């Protein structure tokens, strides 16, 4: 679960004319969401510019692409799968069962045990399942190594959301859980552990990290509950921490134009007040002073009772509710532009500018052509000058109402959006967004799209589409 750049990126966007069309991890090159040399179709949808479409088992993970291969994770018939498809046709080449002994607890209909996007370096493809850990395959589907881990236990049993990345010969996994949160680094060839950095105080997180290279130093930047931390990529030594962030973070950071950017939002902030337990008790029809699952159907918790019943006794009590709200209220919802060169606690010293409105819950922000773009639930878009924070537009309606899990992606001067209602749009980048295309997939889209070889790849609840303009 639960969404960026240009020359300043550690890994530059891949040219449409390169030998290997690549989108090697969640949100593509270094998590940028940008493939500016590509020219995917502006108009796309179930009946428009479809190169091919194929059925795929369920899962909100995004396509990972290298050369002629597409990799996906999926959950089907109680098993966790890694799939490899032919990029030209969508034909399934192989699938492998992760062999999970136990499936992690997850919120059906919202979370998924196959939420993590694969990552590749062109030789190895690495997948992560919260249920059983990391597995590395070669491109023919041969298992190379695995790091078995106990089934993840996440706050409110929502399920895992983070994805692994591959950088400088290391597989990096940020595993922020109810307890024992840590960043883990493994040798991509052998699977041997290179280092581990404990993250005390970090509650469940869903963000995928990225690499920020400044002054010859490569930092791994990883948001988590209430804070974002940077680590030396070689050793795992903590370099800096930035506090006063949301209690629950889903989006990923982006870097470019000399700074790093992160946008986060979670409930119970000053801009999203939650009801008190006394307000909840208005639904307490039998007067026992607690809320049952049946009674919760008459509250805003409809459909979300189970993850909020933290002790699993069939009721939500005042103590449970106050503990949950108390933690969430510790967070601060905001977008921050972070200056380089910090060490230690940089909360007060290295924020160049910040914003507190228009913030996304799940999608990541997009840094594109000098602008920082965000889309929040309801289809409200905001855009700021990345250097100064000057607003170009704020909370502008785009006609794609609904909730967003998928992050925006960009190419050739256009930004592509898809949401959980199955609505899609193409907008122009720049000072004011012009919606130049809308489509409806007729089913939810939770996965962030991928772009490679002038093709836009969109995974819906049941299909994977490849869209390409006719020559």
Protein backbone atom coordinates (compact mmCIF):
# COMPACT_ATOMS: atom_id res chain seq x y z
CA UNK A 1 0.00 0.00 0.00
CA UNK A 2 -0.91 1.77 0.32
CA UNK A 3 3.08 6.22 -4.90
CA UNK A 4 10.39 10.92 -9.04
CA UNK A 5 13.67 13.11 -11.43
CA UNK A 6 16.28 14.19 -13.78
CA UNK A 7 20.01 14.77 -14.03
CA UNK A 8 20.33 15.09 -10.27
CA UNK A 9 19.07 11.54 -9.76
CA UNK A 10 21.48 8.82 -8.74
CA UNK A 11 20.04 6.71 -11.54
CA UNK A 12 19.05 8.77 -14.56
CA UNK A 13 15.74 8.22 -16.36
CA UNK A 14 16.07 5.57 -19.02
CA UNK A 15 16.06 6.69 -22.62
CA UNK A 16 13.43 5.32 -24.95
CA UNK A 17 16.31 4.43 -27.25
CA UNK A 18 18.43 2.56 -24.70
CA UNK A 19 19.12 -1.12 -25.27
CA UNK A 20 17.21 -2.15 -22.15
CA UNK A 21 13.86 -0.54 -21.33
CA UNK A 22 13.91 -0.41 -17.54
CA UNK A 23 11.57 0.42 -14.66
CA UNK A 24 13.56 -1.46 -12.04
CA UNK A 25 11.65 -0.91 -8.78
CA UNK A 26 8.63 0.75 -7.20
CA UNK A 27 8.14 4.06 -9.04
CA UNK A 28 10.95 3.36 -11.48
CA UNK A 29 14.48 4.83 -11.47
CA UNK A 30 15.36 5.60 -7.84
CA UNK A 31 11.67 5.86 -7.02
CA UNK A 32 11.28 9.01 -9.11
CA UNK A 33 8.11 8.10 -11.01
CA UNK A 34 9.69 9.84 -14.04
CA UNK A 35 10.71 8.52 -17.47
CA UNK A 36 11.01 11.78 -19.33
CA UNK A 37 12.63 10.43 -22.49
CA UNK A 38 9.70 8.06 -23.05
CA UNK A 39 6.59 8.93 -25.06
CA UNK A 40 3.71 6.82 -23.75
CA UNK A 41 0.27 7.55 -25.18
CA UNK A 42 -1.61 10.52 -23.79
CA UNK A 43 -4.89 8.72 -24.37
CA UNK A 44 -5.22 5.32 -22.70
CA UNK A 45 -7.94 3.08 -21.30
CA UNK A 46 -9.67 -0.29 -21.81
CA UNK A 47 -10.62 0.67 -25.36
CA UNK A 48 -7.83 3.09 -26.27
CA UNK A 49 -4.24 2.42 -27.40
CA UNK A 50 -4.22 -1.09 -25.92
CA UNK A 51 -1.10 -2.93 -27.06
CA UNK A 52 -2.17 -5.96 -25.02
CA UNK A 53 -4.05 -6.93 -21.89
CA UNK A 54 -3.73 -10.11 -19.88
CA UNK A 55 -5.42 -11.46 -16.75
CA UNK A 56 -3.25 -11.49 -13.62
CA UNK A 57 -3.98 -12.71 -10.09
CA UNK A 58 -4.72 -10.16 -7.40
CA UNK A 59 -2.20 -7.81 -5.85
CA UNK A 60 -1.56 -4.06 -5.73
CA UNK A 61 2.17 -4.33 -6.48
CA UNK A 62 3.45 -2.45 -9.52
CA UNK A 63 5.17 -3.83 -12.62
CA UNK A 64 8.97 -4.08 -12.39
CA UNK A 65 10.54 -4.03 -15.86
CA UNK A 66 13.95 -4.89 -17.26
CA UNK A 67 14.50 -5.50 -20.95
CA UNK A 68 12.06 -8.10 -22.23
CA UNK A 69 10.73 -9.08 -18.78
CA UNK A 70 8.01 -7.80 -16.46
CA UNK A 71 7.91 -9.00 -12.86
CA UNK A 72 4.92 -8.89 -10.51
CA UNK A 73 3.92 -10.29 -7.13
CA UNK A 74 0.45 -11.71 -6.53
CA UNK A 75 -1.79 -13.50 -4.03
CA UNK A 76 -3.98 -16.29 -5.39
CA UNK A 77 -5.57 -19.42 -3.94
CA UNK A 78 -3.95 -18.77 -0.58
CA UNK A 79 -0.43 -18.64 -2.06
CA UNK A 80 2.06 -15.87 -2.72
CA UNK A 81 3.46 -15.76 -6.23
CA UNK A 82 6.22 -14.10 -8.22
CA UNK A 83 5.27 -13.81 -11.89
CA UNK A 84 7.42 -13.13 -14.93
CA UNK A 85 5.74 -11.92 -18.14
CA UNK A 86 7.01 -11.27 -21.63
CA UNK A 87 7.05 -7.51 -22.10
CA UNK A 88 6.16 -7.64 -25.80
CA UNK A 89 3.05 -9.80 -25.44
CA UNK A 90 2.13 -10.11 -21.77
CA UNK A 91 2.50 -13.88 -21.97
CA UNK A 92 3.32 -15.49 -18.63
CA UNK A 93 6.79 -17.02 -18.77
CA UNK A 94 6.95 -18.43 -15.25
CA UNK A 95 5.53 -18.13 -11.74
CA UNK A 96 7.00 -19.25 -8.44
CA UNK A 97 5.29 -20.01 -5.14
CA UNK A 98 6.97 -18.26 -2.19
CA UNK A 99 6.11 -21.22 0.01
CA UNK A 100 4.87 -19.11 2.91
CA UNK A 101 4.00 -21.23 5.94
CA UNK A 102 1.73 -18.52 7.33
CA UNK A 103 0.06 -15.58 5.59
CA UNK A 104 0.43 -12.34 7.51
CA UNK A 105 -2.70 -10.71 8.89
CA UNK A 106 -4.03 -8.11 6.47
CA UNK A 107 -7.15 -6.02 6.03
CA UNK A 108 -9.15 -7.71 3.29
CA UNK A 109 -10.20 -5.29 0.58
CA UNK A 110 -7.65 -2.67 1.66
CA UNK A 111 -4.33 -4.37 2.32
CA UNK A 112 -2.73 -7.36 0.60
CA UNK A 113 0.02 -9.87 1.44
CA UNK A 114 1.35 -9.20 -2.09
CA UNK A 115 1.63 -5.42 -1.91
CA UNK A 116 5.39 -5.16 -2.45
CA UNK A 117 6.81 -4.39 -5.88
CA UNK A 118 9.79 -6.48 -7.06
CA UNK A 119 13.20 -4.89 -7.62
CA UNK A 120 15.92 -5.84 -10.09
CA UNK A 121 19.46 -4.95 -11.14
CA UNK A 122 19.16 -6.68 -14.51
CA UNK A 123 20.52 -10.01 -13.23
CA UNK A 124 18.56 -10.71 -10.08
CA UNK A 125 14.92 -10.07 -9.30
CA UNK A 126 14.16 -9.70 -5.59
CA UNK A 127 10.71 -9.92 -4.01
CA UNK A 128 9.52 -9.29 -0.49
CA UNK A 129 6.50 -10.81 1.19
CA UNK A 130 5.66 -9.74 4.73
CA UNK A 131 4.55 -13.31 5.33
CA UNK A 132 7.92 -14.95 4.75
CA UNK A 133 10.73 -12.51 3.84
CA UNK A 134 12.99 -11.86 0.84
CA UNK A 135 13.55 -14.17 -2.15
CA UNK A 136 15.94 -13.64 -5.07
CA UNK A 137 15.50 -15.30 -8.47
CA UNK A 138 17.40 -15.18 -11.72
CA UNK A 139 15.52 -14.10 -14.84
CA UNK A 140 14.61 -17.71 -15.63
CA UNK A 141 12.89 -18.20 -12.30
CA UNK A 142 15.63 -20.15 -10.51
CA UNK A 143 15.71 -19.34 -6.81
CA UNK A 144 19.13 -17.96 -5.89
CA UNK A 145 18.68 -17.29 -2.19
CA UNK A 146 16.15 -16.38 0.44
CA UNK A 147 16.12 -14.65 3.79
CA UNK A 148 13.26 -16.19 5.73
CA UNK A 149 11.55 -13.85 8.18
CA UNK A 150 8.64 -14.35 10.59
CA UNK A 151 5.24 -13.19 9.40
CA UNK A 152 5.03 -9.42 9.75
CA UNK A 153 2.87 -8.01 12.53
CA UNK A 154 1.66 -4.55 11.58
CA UNK A 155 -0.27 -2.00 13.56
CA UNK A 156 -4.00 -2.62 13.25
CA UNK A 157 -3.19 -5.73 11.16
CA UNK A 158 -3.39 -3.74 7.94
CA UNK A 159 -0.59 -5.72 6.28
CA UNK A 160 2.77 -4.87 4.73
CA UNK A 161 3.33 -2.17 2.13
CA UNK A 162 7.04 -1.44 1.70
CA UNK A 163 9.05 -2.67 -1.29
CA UNK A 164 12.72 -3.69 -1.50
CA UNK A 165 15.25 -1.78 -3.57
CA UNK A 166 18.60 -2.77 -5.10
CA UNK A 167 21.48 -0.30 -4.90
CA UNK A 168 25.28 -0.71 -5.16
CA UNK A 169 25.07 -4.49 -4.97
CA UNK A 170 22.82 -4.42 -1.90
CA UNK A 171 19.19 -5.38 -1.41
CA UNK A 172 17.68 -2.90 1.05
CA UNK A 173 14.50 -3.60 2.99
CA UNK A 174 12.87 -1.24 5.49
CA UNK A 175 10.83 -3.48 7.79
CA UNK A 176 8.90 -1.19 10.14
CA UNK A 177 6.52 -3.30 12.22
CA UNK A 178 4.70 -3.30 15.57
CA UNK A 179 8.02 -4.20 17.16
CA UNK A 180 11.68 -4.63 16.20
CA UNK A 181 11.61 -2.21 13.25
CA UNK A 182 14.85 -2.18 11.27
CA UNK A 183 16.55 -1.50 7.95
CA UNK A 184 18.20 -4.62 6.55
CA UNK A 185 20.86 -4.81 3.83
CA UNK A 186 21.86 -8.01 2.01
CA UNK A 187 24.35 -8.84 -0.71
CA UNK A 188 22.29 -9.11 -3.91
CA UNK A 189 24.37 -12.01 -5.23
CA UNK A 190 24.67 -14.23 -2.16
CA UNK A 191 21.92 -13.06 0.18
CA UNK A 192 24.43 -12.63 3.02
CA UNK A 193 23.50 -9.87 5.44
CA UNK A 194 25.69 -6.80 5.02
CA UNK A 195 24.29 -4.70 7.86
CA UNK A 196 21.28 -4.02 10.02
CA UNK A 197 20.13 -0.69 11.47
CA UNK A 198 17.58 -0.89 14.27
CA UNK A 199 14.83 1.74 14.24
CA UNK A 200 13.64 2.05 17.85
CA UNK A 201 10.39 3.95 18.23
CA UNK A 202 9.39 3.47 14.59
CA UNK A 203 5.91 1.97 14.38
CA UNK A 204 4.47 0.28 11.32
CA UNK A 205 5.43 2.07 8.11
CA UNK A 206 4.62 1.52 4.45
CA UNK A 207 7.17 3.75 2.70
CA UNK A 208 9.78 2.51 0.26
CA UNK A 209 13.21 4.15 0.69
CA UNK A 210 15.36 5.87 -1.92
CA UNK A 211 19.01 6.80 -2.42
CA UNK A 212 20.18 10.41 -2.08
CA UNK A 213 23.70 11.06 -3.30
CA UNK A 214 25.31 14.31 -2.18
CA UNK A 215 28.99 15.22 -1.95
CA UNK A 216 30.08 11.73 -2.94
CA UNK A 217 28.11 10.14 -0.10
CA UNK A 218 25.18 7.85 -0.81
CA UNK A 219 22.46 8.02 1.80
CA UNK A 220 19.53 5.68 2.20
CA UNK A 221 16.52 7.81 3.17
CA UNK A 222 13.69 5.97 4.91
CA UNK A 223 10.53 7.56 6.37
CA UNK A 224 8.83 5.88 9.31
CA UNK A 225 6.37 6.65 12.08
CA UNK A 226 6.80 10.29 13.22
CA UNK A 227 10.23 10.69 11.60
CA UNK A 228 12.44 10.17 8.55
CA UNK A 229 15.99 8.87 8.88
CA UNK A 230 19.08 8.73 6.69
CA UNK A 231 21.69 5.97 6.75
CA UNK A 232 25.10 5.53 5.17
CA UNK A 233 24.45 3.10 2.32
CA UNK A 234 27.76 1.28 2.87
CA UNK A 235 27.55 0.72 6.61
CA UNK A 236 24.03 1.42 7.82
CA UNK A 237 25.27 4.11 10.22
CA UNK A 238 22.56 6.66 10.96
CA UNK A 239 23.42 10.08 9.52
CA UNK A 240 20.41 12.25 10.38
CA UNK A 241 16.83 12.26 11.57
CA UNK A 242 14.01 14.65 10.72
CA UNK A 243 11.12 14.56 13.19
CA UNK A 244 7.63 16.11 13.28
CA UNK A 245 6.21 13.95 10.51
CA UNK A 246 2.93 12.00 10.38
CA UNK A 247 2.36 9.07 12.72
CA UNK A 248 1.75 6.77 9.75
CA UNK A 249 3.71 7.28 6.53
CA UNK A 250 2.87 5.58 3.25
CA UNK A 251 4.53 7.70 0.57
CA UNK A 252 8.17 7.67 -0.46
CA UNK A 253 10.68 10.55 -0.62
CA UNK A 254 12.03 12.01 -3.86
CA UNK A 255 15.20 13.96 -4.56
CA UNK A 256 16.44 16.41 -7.15
CA UNK A 257 17.04 20.09 -7.79
CA UNK A 258 19.46 20.05 -4.85
CA UNK A 259 16.95 18.95 -2.21
CA UNK A 260 14.96 16.02 -0.90
CA UNK A 261 11.16 16.14 -0.62
CA UNK A 262 8.67 14.17 1.42
CA UNK A 263 4.90 14.56 1.79
CA UNK A 264 2.87 12.68 4.37
CA UNK A 265 -0.57 12.70 5.94
CA UNK A 266 -2.38 10.46 8.40
CA UNK A 267 -5.65 10.74 10.33
CA UNK A 268 -6.02 12.65 13.60
CA UNK A 269 -3.80 15.54 12.61
CA UNK A 270 -5.05 19.09 13.09
CA UNK A 271 -6.39 18.99 9.54
CA UNK A 272 -8.15 15.64 10.07
CA UNK A 273 -9.69 15.47 13.55
CA UNK A 274 -10.99 12.11 14.74
CA UNK A 275 -14.11 11.68 16.90
CA UNK A 276 -13.70 11.24 20.63
CA UNK A 277 -14.80 8.02 22.27
CA UNK A 278 -17.80 9.89 23.68
CA UNK A 279 -18.79 10.70 20.11
CA UNK A 280 -18.40 7.02 19.23
CA UNK A 281 -20.68 6.04 22.10
CA UNK A 282 -23.61 7.63 20.28
CA UNK A 283 -23.71 4.31 18.41
CA UNK A 284 -23.65 2.27 21.66
CA UNK A 285 -27.21 0.99 21.40
CA UNK A 286 -27.04 -1.43 24.35
CA UNK A 287 -25.39 1.06 26.70
CA UNK A 288 -22.48 -1.18 27.75
CA UNK A 289 -19.90 1.57 27.28
CA UNK A 290 -18.08 -0.05 24.37
CA UNK A 291 -18.53 -0.46 20.63
CA UNK A 292 -19.24 -3.82 19.04
CA UNK A 293 -18.65 -4.64 15.39
CA UNK A 294 -22.37 -4.37 14.69
CA UNK A 295 -22.55 -0.97 16.39
CA UNK A 296 -19.47 0.24 14.49
CA UNK A 297 -21.43 -0.06 11.25
CA UNK A 298 -23.24 3.12 12.29
CA UNK A 299 -19.98 5.04 12.73
CA UNK A 300 -17.21 6.21 10.42
CA UNK A 301 -15.46 2.91 11.27
CA UNK A 302 -17.85 0.97 9.04
CA UNK A 303 -15.78 -1.77 7.44
CA UNK A 304 -12.74 -0.96 9.62
CA UNK A 305 -13.76 -2.44 12.97
CA UNK A 306 -11.35 -5.39 13.07
CA UNK A 307 -8.07 -3.44 12.69
CA UNK A 308 -9.15 -1.04 15.43
CA UNK A 309 -10.11 -3.79 17.88
CA UNK A 310 -6.51 -4.04 19.01
CA UNK A 311 -6.96 -6.73 21.67
CA UNK A 312 -9.32 -8.76 19.44
CA UNK A 313 -12.00 -9.19 22.10
CA UNK A 314 -14.85 -8.16 19.80
CA UNK A 315 -15.19 -4.64 21.23
CA UNK A 316 -13.54 -1.25 20.97
CA UNK A 317 -13.15 0.27 24.43
CA UNK A 318 -12.28 3.76 25.57
CA UNK A 319 -8.72 2.69 26.43
CA UNK A 320 -8.17 1.20 22.98
CA UNK A 321 -9.57 4.24 21.21
CA UNK A 322 -7.72 6.79 23.31
CA UNK A 323 -4.40 4.93 22.83
CA UNK A 324 -4.87 4.89 19.05
CA UNK A 325 -5.85 8.55 18.81
CA UNK A 326 -3.12 9.56 21.24
CA UNK A 327 -0.43 8.07 19.01
CA UNK A 328 -1.86 9.53 15.80
CA UNK A 329 -2.08 13.01 17.35
CA UNK A 330 1.66 12.98 17.96
CA UNK A 331 2.20 13.25 14.21
CA UNK A 332 2.41 16.38 12.08
CA UNK A 333 1.03 16.24 8.57
CA UNK A 334 3.22 18.17 6.15
CA UNK A 335 5.31 18.41 3.01
CA UNK A 336 8.96 19.20 3.66
CA UNK A 337 11.79 20.28 1.38
CA UNK A 338 15.01 19.11 3.04
CA UNK A 339 18.38 20.77 2.47
CA UNK A 340 21.47 18.57 2.07
CA UNK A 341 24.45 18.39 4.39
CA UNK A 342 22.72 17.63 7.67
CA UNK A 343 23.81 15.38 10.51
CA UNK A 344 22.15 14.43 13.77
CA UNK A 345 18.71 15.90 14.43
CA UNK A 346 17.99 18.23 11.50
CA UNK A 347 14.34 18.94 12.35
CA UNK A 348 14.92 22.61 13.10
CA UNK A 349 17.89 23.27 10.84
CA UNK A 350 17.42 21.74 7.40
CA UNK A 351 13.82 22.31 6.28
CA UNK A 352 14.00 24.82 3.43
CA UNK A 353 10.23 25.15 3.15
CA UNK A 354 7.09 23.25 4.09
CA UNK A 355 3.37 23.04 3.37
CA UNK A 356 0.45 21.71 5.38
CA UNK A 357 -2.39 21.41 2.87
CA UNK A 358 -3.21 19.21 -0.10
CA UNK A 359 -1.22 16.32 1.36
CA UNK A 360 -1.58 12.74 0.06
CA UNK A 361 -2.27 9.80 2.37
CA UNK A 362 -0.90 6.91 0.29
CA UNK A 363 0.54 8.33 -2.98
CA UNK A 364 4.06 9.70 -3.11
CA UNK A 365 4.81 13.21 -4.30
CA UNK A 366 6.21 13.69 -7.82
CA UNK A 367 9.16 15.95 -8.58
CA UNK A 368 8.95 16.83 -12.25
CA UNK A 369 10.61 19.57 -14.28
CA UNK A 370 11.24 21.75 -11.25
CA UNK A 371 7.79 21.31 -9.73
CA UNK A 372 6.62 19.27 -6.75
CA UNK A 373 3.23 17.71 -7.59
CA UNK A 374 0.83 15.92 -5.24
CA UNK A 375 -2.63 14.40 -5.56
CA UNK A 376 -4.82 13.59 -2.56
CA UNK A 377 -8.04 11.66 -2.09
CA UNK A 378 -10.91 13.32 -3.89
CA UNK A 379 -8.74 14.03 -6.93
CA UNK A 380 -7.36 17.30 -5.53
CA UNK A 381 -4.00 18.28 -7.02
CA UNK A 382 -1.40 20.74 -5.73
CA UNK A 383 1.83 21.94 -7.29
CA UNK A 384 4.71 23.99 -5.86
CA UNK A 385 7.91 25.40 -7.23
CA UNK A 386 10.50 22.95 -5.90
CA UNK A 387 13.13 25.58 -5.23
CA UNK A 388 11.01 28.10 -3.35
CA UNK A 389 7.76 26.40 -2.31
CA UNK A 390 5.73 29.01 -4.18
CA UNK A 391 2.32 27.58 -5.01
CA UNK A 392 1.40 27.21 -8.66
CA UNK A 393 -1.98 25.76 -7.73
CA UNK A 394 -3.47 24.18 -4.61
CA UNK A 395 -6.15 21.51 -4.19
CA UNK A 396 -7.39 21.90 -7.74
CA UNK A 397 -10.12 19.46 -8.78
CA UNK A 398 -9.19 17.30 -11.75
CA UNK A 399 -12.41 15.35 -12.29
CA UNK A 400 -10.96 12.06 -11.01
CA UNK A 401 -12.83 11.80 -7.72
CA UNK A 402 -12.06 8.90 -5.45
CA UNK A 403 -9.31 7.61 -3.19
CA UNK A 404 -5.75 7.15 -4.43
CA UNK A 405 -3.31 4.35 -3.66
CA UNK A 406 -1.35 4.68 -6.92
CA UNK A 407 1.27 7.42 -7.10
CA UNK A 408 1.45 9.79 -10.07
CA UNK A 409 4.03 9.13 -12.78
CA UNK A 410 5.30 11.41 -15.53
CA UNK A 411 6.80 11.37 -19.02
CA UNK A 412 7.12 13.73 -22.01
CA UNK A 413 5.49 16.69 -20.27
CA UNK A 414 2.47 14.76 -18.97
CA UNK A 415 1.41 13.40 -15.58
CA UNK A 416 -0.59 10.17 -15.38
CA UNK A 417 -3.10 9.46 -12.59
CA UNK A 418 -5.16 6.38 -11.67
CA UNK A 419 -7.26 5.76 -8.56
CA UNK A 420 -9.16 3.16 -6.54
CA UNK A 421 -12.40 4.01 -8.31
CA UNK A 422 -10.78 2.97 -11.57
CA UNK A 423 -10.69 6.55 -12.84
CA UNK A 424 -7.68 7.69 -14.85
CA UNK A 425 -6.48 10.99 -16.24
CA UNK A 426 -3.63 12.54 -18.17
CA UNK A 427 -2.79 16.13 -17.29
CA UNK A 428 -0.24 18.62 -18.51
CA UNK A 429 2.70 19.46 -16.28
CA UNK A 430 3.41 23.09 -15.52
CA UNK A 431 1.86 26.18 -14.04
CA UNK A 432 -1.75 25.08 -14.43
CA UNK A 433 -2.93 21.51 -15.04
CA UNK A 434 -4.98 20.86 -18.13
CA UNK A 435 -6.85 17.57 -18.08
CA UNK A 436 -6.43 16.29 -21.62
CA UNK A 437 -7.70 12.74 -21.17
CA UNK A 438 -9.96 10.79 -18.81
CA UNK A 439 -10.77 7.10 -18.72
CA UNK A 440 -12.59 4.58 -16.56
CA UNK A 441 -11.24 1.05 -16.07
CA UNK A 442 -14.44 -0.16 -14.42
CA UNK A 443 -12.52 -1.75 -11.53
CA UNK A 444 -10.11 -0.55 -8.85
CA UNK A 445 -6.55 0.45 -9.69
CA UNK A 446 -4.26 0.36 -6.64
CA UNK A 447 -0.91 -0.25 -8.36
CA UNK A 448 1.30 2.62 -9.47
CA UNK A 449 1.77 2.54 -13.28
CA UNK A 450 5.11 1.83 -14.94
CA UNK A 451 6.64 3.39 -18.06
CA UNK A 452 9.16 1.81 -20.43
CA UNK A 453 9.77 1.72 -24.19
CA UNK A 454 7.11 4.41 -24.90
CA UNK A 455 4.59 2.16 -23.17
CA UNK A 456 2.41 2.79 -20.12
CA UNK A 457 1.68 -0.29 -17.99
CA UNK A 458 -1.38 -0.23 -15.72
CA UNK A 459 -2.36 -3.04 -13.36
CA UNK A 460 -6.02 -3.19 -12.36
CA UNK A 461 -7.68 -5.55 -9.91
CA UNK A 462 -7.75 -8.36 -12.49
CA UNK A 463 -5.61 -7.36 -15.49
CA UNK A 464 -2.31 -5.92 -16.64
CA UNK A 465 -2.59 -3.50 -19.57
CA UNK A 466 0.14 -2.25 -21.89
CA UNK A 467 -0.71 0.99 -23.71
CA UNK A 468 1.27 2.21 -26.69
CA UNK A 469 0.44 4.64 -29.48
CA UNK A 470 0.23 3.25 -32.99
CA UNK A 471 3.16 4.31 -35.16
